[in-house]
Amino acid sequence: MYALTANEAKTQFGDLLLKAQREPVQINRNGKPVAVVMSVEDYQALEDLKLSALQQKIAQATAEEDAGKAVDGDAFFNRLLTDETD
């Protein structure tokens, strides 16, 4: 991944936008990564992956609940607190 300092990103903004169309660009401040600039297509693909993963988790949780594997939230936390103090 290409990297720029925050100052370079500021002074070379047009170049940053062109580079971000080809690959994500990391922005560093004081030697530490603080941001990544990416194309809209890459961002949308990332959001689609996140949505897909969330949908899979929801489907799995629904299947577990339908199979009777769900645990009441209050009972879970009460047991957790009781186990910690024993």
C-alpha atoms as a PDB file:
ATOM      1  CA  MET A   1       0.000   0.000   0.000  1.00  0.00           C
ATOM      2  CA  TYR A   2       1.284   3.418  -0.922  1.00  0.00           C
ATOM      3  CA  ALA A   3       1.770   5.774   2.044  1.00  0.00           C
ATOM      4  CA  LEU A   4       1.988   9.538   2.429  1.00  0.00           C
ATOM      5  CA  THR A   5       2.478  11.855   5.358  1.00  0.00           C
ATOM      6  CA  ALA A   6      -0.467  14.077   6.240  1.00  0.00           C
ATOM      7  CA  ASN A   7       1.458  17.074   4.922  1.00  0.00           C
ATOM      8  CA  GLU A   8       2.211  15.297   1.620  1.00  0.00           C
ATOM      9  CA  ALA A   9      -1.452  14.338   1.304  1.00  0.00           C
ATOM     10  CA  LYS A  10      -2.393  17.983   1.789  1.00  0.00           C
ATOM     11  CA  THR A  11       0.080  19.368  -0.733  1.00  0.00           C
ATOM     12  CA  GLN A  12      -0.376  16.542  -3.267  1.00  0.00           C
ATOM     13  CA  PHE A  13      -4.121  16.052  -2.947  1.00  0.00           C
ATOM     14  CA  GLY A  14      -4.754  15.625  -6.675  1.00  0.00           C
ATOM     15  CA  ASP A  15      -2.030  12.980  -6.913  1.00  0.00           C
ATOM     16  CA  LEU A  16      -3.451  11.288  -3.817  1.00  0.00           C
ATOM     17  CA  LEU A  17      -6.850  11.005  -5.500  1.00  0.00           C
ATOM     18  CA  LEU A  18      -5.299   9.484  -8.627  1.00  0.00           C
ATOM     19  CA  LYS A  19      -3.275   6.956  -6.607  1.00  0.00           C
ATOM     20  CA  ALA A  20      -6.345   6.025  -4.557  1.00  0.00           C
ATOM     21  CA  GLN A  21      -8.130   4.988  -7.755  1.00  0.00           C
ATOM     22  CA  ARG A  22      -5.493   2.273  -8.262  1.00  0.00           C
ATOM     23  CA  GLU A  23      -4.918   1.158  -4.665  1.00  0.00           C
ATOM     24  CA  PRO A  24      -5.665   2.286  -1.110  1.00  0.00           C
ATOM     25  CA  VAL A  25      -3.347   5.036   0.133  1.00  0.00           C
ATOM     26  CA  GLN A  26      -2.332   5.214   3.784  1.00  0.00           C
ATOM     27  CA  ILE A  27      -1.978   8.630   5.428  1.00  0.00           C
ATOM     28  CA  ASN A  28       0.513   8.872   8.301  1.00  0.00           C
ATOM     29  CA  ARG A  29       0.850  11.557  10.947  1.00  0.00           C
ATOM     30  CA  ASN A  30       3.887  11.586  13.207  1.00  0.00           C
ATOM     31  CA  GLY A  31       4.915   8.254  11.714  1.00  0.00           C
ATOM     32  CA  LYS A  32       1.646   6.524  12.626  1.00  0.00           C
ATOM     33  CA  PRO A  33      -1.166   5.516  10.254  1.00  0.00           C
ATOM     34  CA  VAL A  34      -4.256   7.675  10.780  1.00  0.00           C
ATOM     35  CA  ALA A  35      -6.346   7.174   7.633  1.00  0.00           C
ATOM     36  CA  VAL A  36      -6.716   5.296   4.382  1.00  0.00           C
ATOM     37  CA  VAL A  37      -8.060   6.825   1.177  1.00  0.00           C
ATOM     38  CA  MET A  38      -9.561   4.402  -1.326  1.00  0.00           C
ATOM     39  CA  SER A  39     -11.667   4.414  -4.446  1.00  0.00           C
ATOM     40  CA  VAL A  40     -15.436   4.413  -4.167  1.00  0.00           C
ATOM     41  CA  GLU A  41     -15.460   0.956  -5.781  1.00  0.00           C
ATOM     42  CA  ASP A  42     -13.081  -0.460  -3.154  1.00  0.00           C
ATOM     43  CA  TYR A  43     -15.075   1.178  -0.370  1.00  0.00           C
ATOM     44  CA  GLN A  44     -18.354  -0.228  -1.690  1.00  0.00           C
ATOM     45  CA  ALA A  45     -16.817  -3.708  -2.000  1.00  0.00           C
ATOM     46  CA  LEU A  46     -15.654  -3.474   1.617  1.00  0.00           C
ATOM     47  CA  GLU A  47     -19.109  -2.367   2.757  1.00  0.00           C
ATOM     48  CA  ASP A  48     -20.681  -5.240   0.803  1.00  0.00           C
ATOM     49  CA  LEU A  49     -18.358  -7.714   2.553  1.00  0.00           C
ATOM     50  CA  LYS A  50     -19.257  -6.284   5.949  1.00  0.00           C
ATOM     51  CA  LEU A  51     -22.962  -6.505   5.140  1.00  0.00           C
ATOM     52  CA  SER A  52     -22.600 -10.094   3.940  1.00  0.00           C
ATOM     53  CA  ALA A  53     -20.755 -11.087   7.126  1.00  0.00           C
ATOM     54  CA  LEU A  54     -23.438  -9.431   9.254  1.00  0.00           C
ATOM     55  CA  GLN A  55     -26.207 -11.193   7.323  1.00  0.00           C
ATOM     56  CA  GLN A  56     -24.449 -14.542   7.866  1.00  0.00           C
ATOM     57  CA  LYS A  57     -24.194 -13.878  11.612  1.00  0.00           C
ATOM     58  CA  ILE A  58     -27.871 -12.961  11.770  1.00  0.00           C
ATOM     59  CA  ALA A  59     -28.822 -16.132   9.861  1.00  0.00           C
ATOM     60  CA  GLN A  60     -26.672 -18.233  12.190  1.00  0.00           C
ATOM     61  CA  ALA A  61     -28.170 -16.612  15.291  1.00  0.00           C
ATOM     62  CA  THR A  62     -31.681 -17.124  13.940  1.00  0.00           C
ATOM     63  CA  ALA A  63     -30.948 -20.797  13.231  1.00  0.00           C
ATOM     64  CA  GLU A  64     -29.532 -21.264  16.737  1.00  0.00           C
ATOM     65  CA  GLU A  65     -32.584 -19.601  18.254  1.00  0.00           C
ATOM     66  CA  ASP A  66     -34.905 -21.779  16.160  1.00  0.00           C
ATOM     67  CA  ALA A  67     -32.976 -24.862  17.331  1.00  0.00           C
ATOM     68  CA  GLY A  68     -33.489 -23.840  20.963  1.00  0.00           C
ATOM     69  CA  LYS A  69     -29.839 -22.979  21.515  1.00  0.00           C
ATOM     70  CA  ALA A  70     -30.520 -19.370  22.511  1.00  0.00           C
ATOM     71  CA  VAL A  71     -29.824 -18.277  26.078  1.00  0.00           C
ATOM     72  CA  ASP A  72     -31.783 -15.615  27.921  1.00  0.00           C
ATOM     73  CA  GLY A  73     -29.624 -12.488  28.232  1.00  0.00           C
ATOM     74  CA  ASP A  74     -30.382 -11.853  31.916  1.00  0.00           C
ATOM     75  CA  ALA A  75     -29.678 -15.478  32.817  1.00  0.00           C
ATOM     76  CA  PHE A  76     -26.415 -15.380  30.871  1.00  0.00           C
ATOM     77  CA  PHE A  77     -25.147 -12.249  32.606  1.00  0.00           C
ATOM     78  CA  ASN A  78     -26.307 -13.420  36.040  1.00  0.00           C
ATOM     79  CA  ARG A  79     -24.425 -16.679  35.549  1.00  0.00           C
ATOM     80  CA  LEU A  80     -21.386 -14.810  34.267  1.00  0.00           C
ATOM     81  CA  LEU A  81     -21.358 -12.542  37.324  1.00  0.00           C
ATOM     82  CA  THR A  82     -21.898 -15.473  39.687  1.00  0.00           C
ATOM     83  CA  ASP A  83     -19.063 -17.474  38.097  1.00  0.00           C
ATOM     84  CA  GLU A  84     -16.698 -14.500  38.396  1.00  0.00           C
ATOM     85  CA  THR A  85     -17.297 -14.024  42.111  1.00  0.00           C
ATOM     86  CA  ASP A  86     -16.939 -17.710  43.071  1.00  0.00           C
END
